[in-house]
Structure formats: C-alpha cells, structure tokens
PDB file of N, CA and C in Angstrom:
ATOM      1  N   MET A   1     -14.163  -2.932  -0.616  1.00  0.00           N
ATOM      2  CA  MET A   1     -14.165  -3.041  -2.045  1.00  0.00           C
ATOM      3  C   MET A   1     -12.799  -3.510  -2.553  1.00  0.00           C
ATOM      4  N   MET A   2     -11.718  -3.053  -1.962  1.00  0.00           N
ATOM      5  CA  MET A   2     -10.376  -3.465  -2.372  1.00  0.00           C
ATOM      6  C   MET A   2      -9.838  -4.612  -1.516  1.00  0.00           C
ATOM      7  N   THR A   3     -10.530  -4.945  -0.450  1.00  0.00           N
ATOM      8  CA  THR A   3     -10.014  -5.945   0.492  1.00  0.00           C
ATOM      9  C   THR A   3      -9.616  -7.259  -0.178  1.00  0.00           C
ATOM     10  N   PRO A   4     -10.423  -7.878  -1.022  1.00  0.00           N
ATOM     11  CA  PRO A   4      -9.996  -9.131  -1.647  1.00  0.00           C
ATOM     12  C   PRO A   4      -8.730  -8.974  -2.496  1.00  0.00           C
ATOM     13  N   THR A   5      -8.619  -7.856  -3.190  1.00  0.00           N
ATOM     14  CA  THR A   5      -7.435  -7.607  -4.018  1.00  0.00           C
ATOM     15  C   THR A   5      -6.200  -7.450  -3.140  1.00  0.00           C
ATOM     16  N   ILE A   6      -6.307  -6.658  -2.095  1.00  0.00           N
ATOM     17  CA  ILE A   6      -5.166  -6.425  -1.204  1.00  0.00           C
ATOM     18  C   ILE A   6      -4.760  -7.713  -0.514  1.00  0.00           C
ATOM     19  N   ASP A   7      -5.715  -8.496  -0.067  1.00  0.00           N
ATOM     20  CA  ASP A   7      -5.402  -9.768   0.587  1.00  0.00           C
ATOM     21  C   ASP A   7      -4.684 -10.718  -0.367  1.00  0.00           C
ATOM     22  N   ALA A   8      -5.121 -10.778  -1.615  1.00  0.00           N
ATOM     23  CA  ALA A   8      -4.480 -11.651  -2.608  1.00  0.00           C
ATOM     24  C   ALA A   8      -3.057 -11.192  -2.903  1.00  0.00           C
ATOM     25  N   VAL A   9      -2.863  -9.885  -3.046  1.00  0.00           N
ATOM     26  CA  VAL A   9      -1.525  -9.350  -3.307  1.00  0.00           C
ATOM     27  C   VAL A   9      -0.620  -9.587  -2.096  1.00  0.00           C
ATOM     28  N   ALA A  10      -1.145  -9.422  -0.903  1.00  0.00           N
ATOM     29  CA  ALA A  10      -0.354  -9.657   0.312  1.00  0.00           C
ATOM     30  C   ALA A  10       0.168 -11.087   0.344  1.00  0.00           C
ATOM     31  N   ASP A  11      -0.674 -12.051  -0.034  1.00  0.00           N
ATOM     32  CA  ASP A  11      -0.256 -13.458  -0.061  1.00  0.00           C
ATOM     33  C   ASP A  11       0.878 -13.672  -1.067  1.00  0.00           C
ATOM     34  N   GLU A  12       0.835 -12.981  -2.181  1.00  0.00           N
ATOM     35  CA  GLU A  12       1.845 -13.144  -3.222  1.00  0.00           C
ATOM     36  C   GLU A  12       3.187 -12.487  -2.876  1.00  0.00           C
ATOM     37  N   PHE A  13       3.155 -11.475  -2.021  1.00  0.00           N
ATOM     38  CA  PHE A  13       4.380 -10.735  -1.721  1.00  0.00           C
ATOM     39  C   PHE A  13       4.978 -11.088  -0.358  1.00  0.00           C
ATOM     40  N   VAL A  14       4.554 -12.200   0.224  1.00  0.00           N
ATOM     41  CA  VAL A  14       5.119 -12.630   1.506  1.00  0.00           C
ATOM     42  C   VAL A  14       6.632 -12.760   1.357  1.00  0.00           C
ATOM     43  N   GLY A  15       7.377 -12.142   2.271  1.00  0.00           N
ATOM     44  CA  GLY A  15       8.827 -12.179   2.234  1.00  0.00           C
ATOM     45  C   GLY A  15       9.465 -11.156   1.313  1.00  0.00           C
ATOM     46  N   LYS A  16       8.653 -10.452   0.536  1.00  0.00           N
ATOM     47  CA  LYS A  16       9.171  -9.442  -0.389  1.00  0.00           C
ATOM     48  C   LYS A  16       8.765  -8.034   0.037  1.00  0.00           C
ATOM     49  N   ALA A  17       7.543  -7.911   0.544  1.00  0.00           N
ATOM     50  CA  ALA A  17       7.012  -6.610   0.964  1.00  0.00           C
ATOM     51  C   ALA A  17       5.976  -6.848   2.037  1.00  0.00           C
ATOM     52  N   LYS A  18       5.785  -5.862   2.869  1.00  0.00           N
ATOM     53  CA  LYS A  18       4.749  -5.937   3.900  1.00  0.00           C
ATOM     54  C   LYS A  18       3.544  -5.161   3.395  1.00  0.00           C
ATOM     55  N   ILE A  19       2.416  -5.815   3.382  1.00  0.00           N
ATOM     56  CA  ILE A  19       1.174  -5.216   2.898  1.00  0.00           C
ATOM     57  C   ILE A  19       0.237  -5.079   4.087  1.00  0.00           C
ATOM     58  N   GLY A  20      -0.375  -3.923   4.235  1.00  0.00           N
ATOM     59  CA  GLY A  20      -1.297  -3.717   5.340  1.00  0.00           C
ATOM     60  C   GLY A  20      -2.495  -2.904   4.915  1.00  0.00           C
ATOM     61  N   LYS A  21      -3.517  -2.934   5.739  1.00  0.00           N
ATOM     62  CA  LYS A  21      -4.734  -2.155   5.495  1.00  0.00           C
ATOM     63  C   LYS A  21      -5.015  -1.327   6.744  1.00  0.00           C
ATOM     64  N   LEU A  22      -5.576  -0.175   6.532  1.00  0.00           N
ATOM     65  CA  LEU A  22      -5.892   0.712   7.637  1.00  0.00           C
ATOM     66  C   LEU A  22      -7.286   1.289   7.422  1.00  0.00           C
ATOM     67  N   ASN A  23      -8.119   1.191   8.417  1.00  0.00           N
ATOM     68  CA  ASN A  23      -9.451   1.778   8.362  1.00  0.00           C
ATOM     69  C   ASN A  23      -9.316   3.252   8.750  1.00  0.00           C
ATOM     70  N   VAL A  24      -9.508   4.144   7.796  1.00  0.00           N
ATOM     71  CA  VAL A  24      -9.314   5.569   8.061  1.00  0.00           C
ATOM     72  C   VAL A  24     -10.375   6.135   8.997  1.00  0.00           C
ATOM     73  N   ASP A  25     -11.528   5.497   9.093  1.00  0.00           N
ATOM     74  CA  ASP A  25     -12.551   5.958  10.034  1.00  0.00           C
ATOM     75  C   ASP A  25     -12.083   5.764  11.473  1.00  0.00           C
ATOM     76  N   ASP A  26     -11.322   4.710  11.707  1.00  0.00           N
ATOM     77  CA  ASP A  26     -10.812   4.415  13.049  1.00  0.00           C
ATOM     78  C   ASP A  26      -9.445   5.035  13.308  1.00  0.00           C
ATOM     79  N   ASN A  27      -8.792   5.548  12.271  1.00  0.00           N
ATOM     80  CA  ASN A  27      -7.433   6.073  12.378  1.00  0.00           C
ATOM     81  C   ASN A  27      -7.306   7.410  11.653  1.00  0.00           C
ATOM     82  N   GLY A  28      -8.126   8.359  12.071  1.00  0.00           N
ATOM     83  CA  GLY A  28      -8.173   9.661  11.412  1.00  0.00           C
ATOM     84  C   GLY A  28      -6.854  10.412  11.430  1.00  0.00           C
ATOM     85  N   GLN A  29      -6.101  10.308  12.527  1.00  0.00           N
ATOM     86  CA  GLN A  29      -4.821  11.018  12.622  1.00  0.00           C
ATOM     87  C   GLN A  29      -3.831  10.515  11.571  1.00  0.00           C
ATOM     88  N   THR A  30      -3.815   9.203  11.368  1.00  0.00           N
ATOM     89  CA  THR A  30      -2.914   8.628  10.374  1.00  0.00           C
ATOM     90  C   THR A  30      -3.330   9.073   8.971  1.00  0.00           C
ATOM     91  N   ALA A  31      -4.616   9.083   8.713  1.00  0.00           N
ATOM     92  CA  ALA A  31      -5.117   9.533   7.415  1.00  0.00           C
ATOM     93  C   ALA A  31      -4.715  10.988   7.160  1.00  0.00           C
ATOM     94  N   MET A  32      -4.824  11.838   8.177  1.00  0.00           N
ATOM     95  CA  MET A  32      -4.419  13.235   8.018  1.00  0.00           C
ATOM     96  C   MET A  32      -2.913  13.350   7.818  1.00  0.00           C
ATOM     97  N   ARG A  33      -2.153  12.559   8.535  1.00  0.00           N
ATOM     98  CA  ARG A  33      -0.688  12.607   8.439  1.00  0.00           C
ATOM     99  C   ARG A  33      -0.213  12.343   7.003  1.00  0.00           C
ATOM    100  N   TYR A  34      -0.901  11.411   6.334  1.00  0.00           N
ATOM    101  CA  TYR A  34      -0.510  11.050   4.972  1.00  0.00           C
ATOM    102  C   TYR A  34      -1.398  11.686   3.909  1.00  0.00           C
ATOM    103  N   ASN A  35      -2.185  12.697   4.323  1.00  0.00           N
ATOM    104  CA  ASN A  35      -2.978  13.482   3.387  1.00  0.00           C
ATOM    105  C   ASN A  35      -3.936  12.626   2.554  1.00  0.00           C
ATOM    106  N   VAL A  36      -4.557  11.662   3.204  1.00  0.00           N
ATOM    107  CA  VAL A  36      -5.527  10.808   2.523  1.00  0.00           C
ATOM    108  C   VAL A  36      -6.810  11.606   2.350  1.00  0.00           C
ATOM    109  N   ARG A  37      -7.177  11.848   1.102  1.00  0.00           N
ATOM    110  CA  ARG A  37      -8.367  12.654   0.800  1.00  0.00           C
ATOM    111  C   ARG A  37      -9.443  11.856   0.083  1.00  0.00           C
ATOM    112  N   GLY A  38      -9.077  10.704  -0.448  1.00  0.00           N
ATOM    113  CA  GLY A  38     -10.032   9.850  -1.144  1.00  0.00           C
ATOM    114  C   GLY A  38      -9.839   8.414  -0.718  1.00  0.00           C
ATOM    115  N   ILE A  39     -10.886   7.646  -0.858  1.00  0.00           N
ATOM    116  CA  ILE A  39     -10.841   6.242  -0.456  1.00  0.00           C
ATOM    117  C   ILE A  39     -11.266   5.397  -1.646  1.00  0.00           C
ATOM    118  N   PRO A  40     -10.492   4.393  -1.986  1.00  0.00           N
ATOM    119  CA  PRO A  40      -9.266   3.944  -1.324  1.00  0.00           C
ATOM    120  C   PRO A  40      -8.051   4.753  -1.788  1.00  0.00           C
ATOM    121  N   THR A  41      -7.077   4.861  -0.902  1.00  0.00           N
ATOM    122  CA  THR A  41      -5.781   5.442  -1.216  1.00  0.00           C
ATOM    123  C   THR A  41      -4.736   4.371  -0.961  1.00  0.00           C
ATOM    124  N   LEU A  42      -3.882   4.153  -1.919  1.00  0.00           N
ATOM    125  CA  LEU A  42      -2.815   3.173  -1.784  1.00  0.00           C
ATOM    126  C   LEU A  42      -1.496   3.918  -1.662  1.00  0.00           C
ATOM    127  N   LEU A  43      -0.767   3.624  -0.607  1.00  0.00           N
ATOM    128  CA  LEU A  43       0.519   4.260  -0.347  1.00  0.00           C
ATOM    129  C   LEU A  43       1.614   3.203  -0.373  1.00  0.00           C
ATOM    130  N   VAL A  44       2.734   3.525  -0.988  1.00  0.00           N
ATOM    131  CA  VAL A  44       3.898   2.653  -0.968  1.00  0.00           C
ATOM    132  C   VAL A  44       4.986   3.392  -0.200  1.00  0.00           C
ATOM    133  N   PHE A  45       5.505   2.727   0.832  1.00  0.00           N
ATOM    134  CA  PHE A  45       6.570   3.298   1.644  1.00  0.00           C
ATOM    135  C   PHE A  45       7.885   2.589   1.335  1.00  0.00           C
ATOM    136  N   LYS A  46       8.945   3.353   1.323  1.00  0.00           N
ATOM    137  CA  LYS A  46      10.282   2.790   1.164  1.00  0.00           C
ATOM    138  C   LYS A  46      11.210   3.620   2.043  1.00  0.00           C
ATOM    139  N   GLY A  47      11.919   2.957   2.921  1.00  0.00           N
ATOM    140  CA  GLY A  47      12.791   3.679   3.836  1.00  0.00           C
ATOM    141  C   GLY A  47      12.028   4.618   4.744  1.00  0.00           C
ATOM    142  N   GLY A  48      10.775   4.288   5.046  1.00  0.00           N
ATOM    143  CA  GLY A  48       9.957   5.108   5.923  1.00  0.00           C
ATOM    144  C   GLY A  48       9.299   6.305   5.261  1.00  0.00           C
ATOM    145  N   GLN A  49       9.517   6.459   3.965  1.00  0.00           N
ATOM    146  CA  GLN A  49       8.949   7.590   3.232  1.00  0.00           C
ATOM    147  C   GLN A  49       7.961   7.094   2.176  1.00  0.00           C
ATOM    148  N   VAL A  50       6.931   7.891   1.926  1.00  0.00           N
ATOM    149  CA  VAL A  50       5.988   7.564   0.863  1.00  0.00           C
ATOM    150  C   VAL A  50       6.684   7.798  -0.474  1.00  0.00           C
ATOM    151  N   VAL A  51       6.733   6.745  -1.303  1.00  0.00           N
ATOM    152  CA  VAL A  51       7.365   6.863  -2.623  1.00  0.00           C
ATOM    153  C   VAL A  51       6.346   6.779  -3.753  1.00  0.00           C
ATOM    154  N   ALA A  52       5.118   6.385  -3.428  1.00  0.00           N
ATOM    155  CA  ALA A  52       4.053   6.334  -4.428  1.00  0.00           C
ATOM    156  C   ALA A  52       2.714   6.435  -3.718  1.00  0.00           C
ATOM    157  N   GLN A  53       1.775   7.101  -4.374  1.00  0.00           N
ATOM    158  CA  GLN A  53       0.429   7.231  -3.832  1.00  0.00           C
ATOM    159  C   GLN A  53      -0.555   7.198  -4.987  1.00  0.00           C
ATOM    160  N   LYS A  54      -1.546   6.342  -4.875  1.00  0.00           N
ATOM    161  CA  LYS A  54      -2.598   6.234  -5.888  1.00  0.00           C
ATOM    162  C   LYS A  54      -3.946   6.316  -5.181  1.00  0.00           C
ATOM    163  N   VAL A  55      -4.857   7.069  -5.761  1.00  0.00           N
ATOM    164  CA  VAL A  55      -6.200   7.200  -5.208  1.00  0.00           C
ATOM    165  C   VAL A  55      -7.171   6.553  -6.175  1.00  0.00           C
ATOM    166  N   GLY A  56      -8.052   5.742  -5.638  1.00  0.00           N
ATOM    167  CA  GLY A  56      -9.061   5.074  -6.445  1.00  0.00           C
ATOM    168  C   GLY A  56      -8.821   3.577  -6.497  1.00  0.00           C
ATOM    169  N   ALA A  57      -9.874   2.865  -6.829  1.00  0.00           N
ATOM    170  CA  ALA A  57      -9.786   1.405  -6.910  1.00  0.00           C
ATOM    171  C   ALA A  57      -8.830   0.993  -8.023  1.00  0.00           C
ATOM    172  N   MET A  58      -8.097  -0.067  -7.761  1.00  0.00           N
ATOM    173  CA  MET A  58      -7.141  -0.597  -8.732  1.00  0.00           C
ATOM    174  C   MET A  58      -7.340  -2.105  -8.813  1.00  0.00           C
ATOM    175  N   GLY A  59      -7.073  -2.659  -9.960  1.00  0.00           N
ATOM    176  CA  GLY A  59      -7.110  -4.105 -10.118  1.00  0.00           C
ATOM    177  C   GLY A  59      -5.861  -4.738  -9.541  1.00  0.00           C
ATOM    178  N   LYS A  60      -5.910  -6.035  -9.381  1.00  0.00           N
ATOM    179  CA  LYS A  60      -4.792  -6.775  -8.811  1.00  0.00           C
ATOM    180  C   LYS A  60      -3.500  -6.539  -9.593  1.00  0.00           C
ATOM    181  N   GLY A  61      -3.577  -6.583 -10.914  1.00  0.00           N
ATOM    182  CA  GLY A  61      -2.395  -6.377 -11.742  1.00  0.00           C
ATOM    183  C   GLY A  61      -1.778  -5.000 -11.547  1.00  0.00           C
ATOM    184  N   ASP A  62      -2.619  -3.987 -11.396  1.00  0.00           N
ATOM    185  CA  ASP A  62      -2.119  -2.624 -11.182  1.00  0.00           C
ATOM    186  C   ASP A  62      -1.435  -2.490  -9.823  1.00  0.00           C
ATOM    187  N   VAL A  63      -1.994  -3.131  -8.801  1.00  0.00           N
ATOM    188  CA  VAL A  63      -1.381  -3.090  -7.469  1.00  0.00           C
ATOM    189  C   VAL A  63      -0.043  -3.815  -7.503  1.00  0.00           C
ATOM    190  N   GLN A  64      -0.007  -4.977  -8.148  1.00  0.00           N
ATOM    191  CA  GLN A  64       1.245  -5.724  -8.266  1.00  0.00           C
ATOM    192  C   GLN A  64       2.308  -4.880  -8.976  1.00  0.00           C
ATOM    193  N   LYS A  65       1.918  -4.226 -10.053  1.00  0.00           N
ATOM    194  CA  LYS A  65       2.856  -3.399 -10.817  1.00  0.00           C
ATOM    195  C   LYS A  65       3.385  -2.255  -9.962  1.00  0.00           C
ATOM    196  N   LEU A  66       2.496  -1.607  -9.221  1.00  0.00           N
ATOM    197  CA  LEU A  66       2.892  -0.501  -8.348  1.00  0.00           C
ATOM    198  C   LEU A  66       3.943  -0.953  -7.339  1.00  0.00           C
ATOM    199  N   ILE A  67       3.737  -2.097  -6.746  1.00  0.00           N
ATOM    200  CA  ILE A  67       4.689  -2.612  -5.754  1.00  0.00           C
ATOM    201  C   ILE A  67       5.982  -3.045  -6.434  1.00  0.00           C
ATOM    202  N   ASN A  68       5.861  -3.775  -7.530  1.00  0.00           N
ATOM    203  CA  ASN A  68       7.055  -4.265  -8.229  1.00  0.00           C
ATOM    204  C   ASN A  68       7.963  -3.131  -8.700  1.00  0.00           C
ATOM    205  N   GLU A  69       7.384  -2.007  -9.065  1.00  0.00           N
ATOM    206  CA  GLU A  69       8.197  -0.864  -9.495  1.00  0.00           C
ATOM    207  C   GLU A  69       9.185  -0.441  -8.413  1.00  0.00           C
ATOM    208  N   HIS A  70       8.804  -0.635  -7.169  1.00  0.00           N
ATOM    209  CA  HIS A  70       9.652  -0.212  -6.060  1.00  0.00           C
ATOM    210  C   HIS A  70      10.460  -1.360  -5.470  1.00  0.00           C
ATOM    211  N   LEU A  71      10.059  -2.565  -5.725  1.00  0.00           N
ATOM    212  CA  LEU A  71      10.853  -3.712  -5.281  1.00  0.00           C
ATOM    213  C   LEU A  71      12.123  -3.838  -6.105  1.00  0.00           C
ATOM    214  N   ASP A  72      12.025  -3.612  -7.399  1.00  0.00           N
ATOM    215  CA  ASP A  72      13.164  -3.774  -8.297  1.00  0.00           C
ATOM    216  C   ASP A  72      14.338  -2.893  -7.914  1.00  0.00           C
ATOM    217  N   SER A  73      14.044  -1.713  -7.373  1.00  0.00           N
ATOM    218  CA  SER A  73      15.119  -0.786  -7.033  1.00  0.00           C
ATOM    219  C   SER A  73      15.465  -0.815  -5.551  1.00  0.00           C
ATOM    220  N   ALA A  74      14.870  -1.755  -4.810  1.00  0.00           N
ATOM    221  CA  ALA A  74      15.117  -1.815  -3.369  1.00  0.00           C
ATOM    222  C   ALA A  74      16.484  -2.423  -3.085  1.00  0.00           C
ATOM    223  N   PRO A  75      17.326  -1.742  -2.286  1.00  0.00           N
ATOM    224  CA  PRO A  75      18.619  -2.310  -1.951  1.00  0.00           C
ATOM    225  C   PRO A  75      18.489  -3.549  -1.067  1.00  0.00           C
ATOM    226  N   ALA A  76      17.454  -3.616  -0.277  1.00  0.00           N
ATOM    227  CA  ALA A  76      17.221  -4.777   0.573  1.00  0.00           C
ATOM    228  C   ALA A  76      15.725  -4.889   0.807  1.00  0.00           C
ATOM    229  N   VAL A  77      15.239  -6.111   0.795  1.00  0.00           N
ATOM    230  CA  VAL A  77      13.803  -6.327   0.984  1.00  0.00           C
ATOM    231  C   VAL A  77      13.326  -5.723   2.289  1.00  0.00           C
ATOM    232  N   SER A  78      14.136  -5.828   3.334  1.00  0.00           N
ATOM    233  CA  SER A  78      13.706  -5.349   4.642  1.00  0.00           C
ATOM    234  C   SER A  78      13.511  -3.835   4.681  1.00  0.00           C
ATOM    235  N   SER A  79      14.049  -3.115   3.699  1.00  0.00           N
ATOM    236  CA  SER A  79      13.892  -1.662   3.716  1.00  0.00           C
ATOM    237  C   SER A  79      12.601  -1.203   3.032  1.00  0.00           C
ATOM    238  N   LEU A  80      11.853  -2.134   2.461  1.00  0.00           N
ATOM    239  CA  LEU A  80      10.631  -1.770   1.759  1.00  0.00           C
ATOM    240  C   LEU A  80       9.417  -2.181   2.566  1.00  0.00           C
ATOM    241  N   VAL A  81       8.561  -1.235   2.817  1.00  0.00           N
ATOM    242  CA  VAL A  81       7.283  -1.518   3.461  1.00  0.00           C
ATOM    243  C   VAL A  81       6.218  -0.933   2.557  1.00  0.00           C
ATOM    244  N   SER A  82       5.325  -1.747   2.080  1.00  0.00           N
ATOM    245  CA  SER A  82       4.221  -1.285   1.259  1.00  0.00           C
ATOM    246  C   SER A  82       2.980  -1.268   2.113  1.00  0.00           C
ATOM    247  N   SER A  83       2.398  -0.147   2.260  1.00  0.00           N
ATOM    248  CA  SER A  83       1.206  -0.015   3.078  1.00  0.00           C
ATOM    249  C   SER A  83       0.053   0.416   2.202  1.00  0.00           C
ATOM    250  N   ILE A  84      -0.956  -0.380   2.195  1.00  0.00           N
ATOM    251  CA  ILE A  84      -2.132  -0.077   1.421  1.00  0.00           C
ATOM    252  C   ILE A  84      -3.192   0.435   2.383  1.00  0.00           C
ATOM    253  N   THR A  85      -3.577   1.644   2.211  1.00  0.00           N
ATOM    254  CA  THR A  85      -4.518   2.285   3.115  1.00  0.00           C
ATOM    255  C   THR A  85      -5.885   2.296   2.456  1.00  0.00           C
ATOM    256  N   ILE A  86      -6.831   1.592   3.072  1.00  0.00           N
ATOM    257  CA  ILE A  86      -8.181   1.565   2.532  1.00  0.00           C
ATOM    258  C   ILE A  86      -9.186   1.668   3.656  1.00  0.00           C
ATOM    259  N   ARG A  87     -10.375   1.978   3.294  1.00  0.00           N
ATOM    260  CA  ARG A  87     -11.470   1.995   4.249  1.00  0.00           C
ATOM    261  C   ARG A  87     -12.095   0.622   4.237  1.00  0.00           C
ATOM    262  N   ALA A  88     -12.165  -0.003   5.379  1.00  0.00           N
ATOM    263  CA  ALA A  88     -12.715  -1.374   5.462  1.00  0.00           C
ATOM    264  C   ALA A  88     -14.211  -1.378   5.297  1.00  0.00           C
TER     265      ALA A  88
END
C-alpha cells in the first residue's frame, strides 16, 4: 500500500538519505527490536538511533516532510539513514 510512495520518495532523496523497506513478516526479530506494532510503521534513523516513528499510511508529502525535518539538522548526510519499515 505504501510501496509506490516509498519508492518515489527514495528516488527523490538519492544522495541525501537512504530509504529502505522491510517486510515484517519475513523479519520478525527486527520488527520486535523496533517495537513495530502497526503496519505500516515508518522509522527515521539518525546516528543509528530512531529519531522519529509514525504508524499508519502517509502521503508522499508527509513522508518527505518527515525526512526533511531530520535532514535540515543533520551535520553530515552520511550520518542520516532513513528506514521506512512496511509490510510488502
């Protein structure tokens, strides 16, 4: 359901943030590690730590805004990893 949105955002943020998807059915341990209780769950990582978490479907503009909020304060692009966790 979110796959087209995440793919479009990933294309727009090439070189600025890393965007990924994870199938929680195939990666239950990872889902438990990050306390994923609803699908889709969007996680933003910075410096290896979760800095934002949103549960529920979001539009492209909302996903872009969520990522941009953390890009603006990033000391270096390489320190920001945005991971979008969804069920495929």
